[in-house]
Amino acid sequence: MSTLQERITRLQAEIADLKRRFPAHSLKPAMFQQLEDLEEELELLLRQQREEQLHPNN
């Protein structure tokens, strides 16, 4: 299983790749939804990472 940091790095790369593929006009709802989903997952992982840094023994 990958570490938390590896998952965060992978999500950041996926988000960057998706944004690079965005068309200049007429963004498809599916692409926007995918971006939203990835960003939500990233935020959860970043929150988890902060918690682990604040409370390393939990």
N, C-alpha and C. Protein backbone atom coordinates (compact mmCIF):
# COMPACT_ATOMS: atom_id res chain seq x y z
N MET A 1 0.85 -1.19 0.00
CA MET A 1 0.00 0.00 0.00
C MET A 1 0.88 1.24 0.00
N SER A 2 0.48 2.25 -0.73
CA SER A 2 1.30 3.45 -0.84
C SER A 2 1.16 4.31 0.42
N THR A 3 2.18 5.10 0.65
CA THR A 3 2.16 5.98 1.80
C THR A 3 1.24 7.16 1.50
N LEU A 4 0.91 7.87 2.54
CA LEU A 4 0.04 9.04 2.41
C LEU A 4 0.68 10.06 1.48
N GLN A 5 1.97 10.32 1.65
CA GLN A 5 2.65 11.29 0.80
C GLN A 5 2.66 10.85 -0.66
N GLU A 6 2.83 9.57 -0.91
CA GLU A 6 2.80 9.08 -2.30
C GLU A 6 1.43 9.28 -2.91
N ARG A 7 0.38 9.05 -2.14
CA ARG A 7 -0.98 9.25 -2.64
C ARG A 7 -1.23 10.72 -2.94
N ILE A 8 -0.74 11.60 -2.06
CA ILE A 8 -0.89 13.05 -2.27
C ILE A 8 -0.17 13.46 -3.55
N THR A 9 1.05 13.00 -3.72
CA THR A 9 1.84 13.34 -4.90
C THR A 9 1.16 12.84 -6.17
N ARG A 10 0.62 11.61 -6.12
CA ARG A 10 -0.07 11.05 -7.28
C ARG A 10 -1.31 11.88 -7.64
N LEU A 11 -2.08 12.27 -6.63
CA LEU A 11 -3.27 13.08 -6.88
C LEU A 11 -2.89 14.44 -7.46
N GLN A 12 -1.85 15.06 -6.92
CA GLN A 12 -1.42 16.35 -7.45
C GLN A 12 -1.03 16.23 -8.92
N ALA A 13 -0.36 15.14 -9.28
CA ALA A 13 0.03 14.92 -10.67
C ALA A 13 -1.21 14.70 -11.54
N GLU A 14 -2.18 13.95 -11.05
CA GLU A 14 -3.41 13.70 -11.81
C GLU A 14 -4.17 15.00 -12.05
N ILE A 15 -4.23 15.85 -11.02
CA ILE A 15 -4.92 17.14 -11.15
C ILE A 15 -4.21 18.01 -12.18
N ALA A 16 -2.89 18.08 -12.11
CA ALA A 16 -2.13 18.88 -13.06
C ALA A 16 -2.34 18.37 -14.49
N ASP A 17 -2.33 17.05 -14.66
CA ASP A 17 -2.53 16.47 -15.98
C ASP A 17 -3.93 16.79 -16.51
N LEU A 18 -4.92 16.66 -15.67
CA LEU A 18 -6.29 16.94 -16.09
C LEU A 18 -6.42 18.40 -16.50
N LYS A 19 -5.84 19.31 -15.72
CA LYS A 19 -5.93 20.74 -16.06
C LYS A 19 -5.23 21.04 -17.38
N ARG A 20 -4.13 20.35 -17.67
CA ARG A 20 -3.43 20.54 -18.94
C ARG A 20 -4.31 20.10 -20.12
N ARG A 21 -5.18 19.13 -19.89
CA ARG A 21 -6.03 18.61 -20.96
C ARG A 21 -7.33 19.39 -21.13
N PHE A 22 -7.58 20.35 -20.25
CA PHE A 22 -8.81 21.14 -20.37
C PHE A 22 -8.80 21.90 -21.69
N PRO A 23 -9.91 21.86 -22.40
CA PRO A 23 -10.00 22.67 -23.62
C PRO A 23 -10.10 24.15 -23.26
N ALA A 24 -9.70 25.00 -24.19
CA ALA A 24 -9.76 26.45 -23.94
C ALA A 24 -11.21 26.91 -23.76
N HIS A 25 -12.11 26.23 -24.45
CA HIS A 25 -13.54 26.59 -24.39
C HIS A 25 -14.36 25.33 -24.20
N SER A 26 -15.53 25.50 -23.71
CA SER A 26 -16.50 24.41 -23.60
C SER A 26 -15.99 23.23 -22.77
N LEU A 27 -15.68 23.51 -21.53
CA LEU A 27 -15.25 22.45 -20.62
C LEU A 27 -16.41 21.48 -20.40
N LYS A 28 -16.14 20.21 -20.60
CA LYS A 28 -17.18 19.20 -20.46
C LYS A 28 -17.47 18.97 -18.98
N PRO A 29 -18.74 18.80 -18.64
CA PRO A 29 -19.10 18.57 -17.24
C PRO A 29 -18.37 17.38 -16.61
N ALA A 30 -18.13 16.34 -17.37
CA ALA A 30 -17.45 15.16 -16.83
C ALA A 30 -16.02 15.50 -16.39
N MET A 31 -15.34 16.32 -17.17
CA MET A 31 -13.97 16.71 -16.81
C MET A 31 -13.98 17.59 -15.56
N PHE A 32 -14.94 18.49 -15.50
CA PHE A 32 -15.04 19.36 -14.33
C PHE A 32 -15.35 18.53 -13.09
N GLN A 33 -16.24 17.57 -13.21
CA GLN A 33 -16.59 16.71 -12.08
C GLN A 33 -15.38 15.89 -11.64
N GLN A 34 -14.62 15.39 -12.59
CA GLN A 34 -13.42 14.63 -12.26
C GLN A 34 -12.44 15.50 -11.48
N LEU A 35 -12.26 16.75 -11.92
CA LEU A 35 -11.38 17.67 -11.21
C LEU A 35 -11.88 17.90 -9.79
N GLU A 36 -13.17 18.13 -9.64
CA GLU A 36 -13.76 18.34 -8.31
C GLU A 36 -13.50 17.13 -7.41
N ASP A 37 -13.71 15.95 -7.94
CA ASP A 37 -13.52 14.72 -7.15
C ASP A 37 -12.06 14.56 -6.72
N LEU A 38 -11.13 14.81 -7.64
CA LEU A 38 -9.71 14.68 -7.31
C LEU A 38 -9.30 15.72 -6.27
N GLU A 39 -9.79 16.94 -6.42
CA GLU A 39 -9.44 18.00 -5.46
C GLU A 39 -10.02 17.71 -4.08
N GLU A 40 -11.22 17.15 -4.03
CA GLU A 40 -11.81 16.78 -2.73
C GLU A 40 -10.99 15.69 -2.06
N GLU A 41 -10.59 14.68 -2.82
CA GLU A 41 -9.79 13.60 -2.26
C GLU A 41 -8.45 14.13 -1.78
N LEU A 42 -7.85 15.03 -2.56
CA LEU A 42 -6.57 15.63 -2.17
C LEU A 42 -6.72 16.41 -0.87
N GLU A 43 -7.76 17.18 -0.75
CA GLU A 43 -7.98 17.96 0.47
C GLU A 43 -8.12 17.05 1.69
N LEU A 44 -8.83 15.94 1.54
CA LEU A 44 -8.97 14.99 2.64
C LEU A 44 -7.62 14.42 3.05
N LEU A 45 -6.81 14.06 2.07
CA LEU A 45 -5.49 13.50 2.36
C LEU A 45 -4.58 14.53 3.01
N LEU A 46 -4.65 15.77 2.54
CA LEU A 46 -3.83 16.82 3.14
C LEU A 46 -4.25 17.08 4.59
N ARG A 47 -5.54 17.04 4.84
CA ARG A 47 -6.04 17.18 6.22
C ARG A 47 -5.53 16.04 7.09
N GLN A 48 -5.59 14.83 6.55
CA GLN A 48 -5.10 13.65 7.28
C GLN A 48 -3.61 13.79 7.57
N GLN A 49 -2.86 14.27 6.59
CA GLN A 49 -1.42 14.45 6.76
C GLN A 49 -1.14 15.48 7.86
N ARG A 50 -1.88 16.58 7.87
CA ARG A 50 -1.70 17.60 8.92
C ARG A 50 -2.00 17.02 10.29
N GLU A 51 -3.07 16.24 10.37
CA GLU A 51 -3.42 15.61 11.66
C GLU A 51 -2.30 14.68 12.14
N GLU A 52 -1.75 13.91 11.22
CA GLU A 52 -0.67 13.00 11.59
C GLU A 52 0.56 13.75 12.05
N GLN A 53 0.81 14.91 11.44
CA GLN A 53 1.96 15.72 11.85
C GLN A 53 1.73 16.33 13.22
N LEU A 54 0.50 16.70 13.51
CA LEU A 54 0.17 17.30 14.81
C LEU A 54 0.12 16.26 15.92
N HIS A 55 -0.33 15.05 15.58
CA HIS A 55 -0.49 13.97 16.55
C HIS A 55 0.17 12.70 16.02
N PRO A 56 1.49 12.65 16.02
CA PRO A 56 2.19 11.51 15.40
C PRO A 56 1.99 10.17 16.10
N ASN A 57 1.55 10.15 17.34
CA ASN A 57 1.40 8.90 18.07
C ASN A 57 0.03 8.27 17.94
N ASN A 58 -0.89 8.90 17.24
CA ASN A 58 -2.25 8.35 17.10
C ASN A 58 -2.32 7.32 16.04
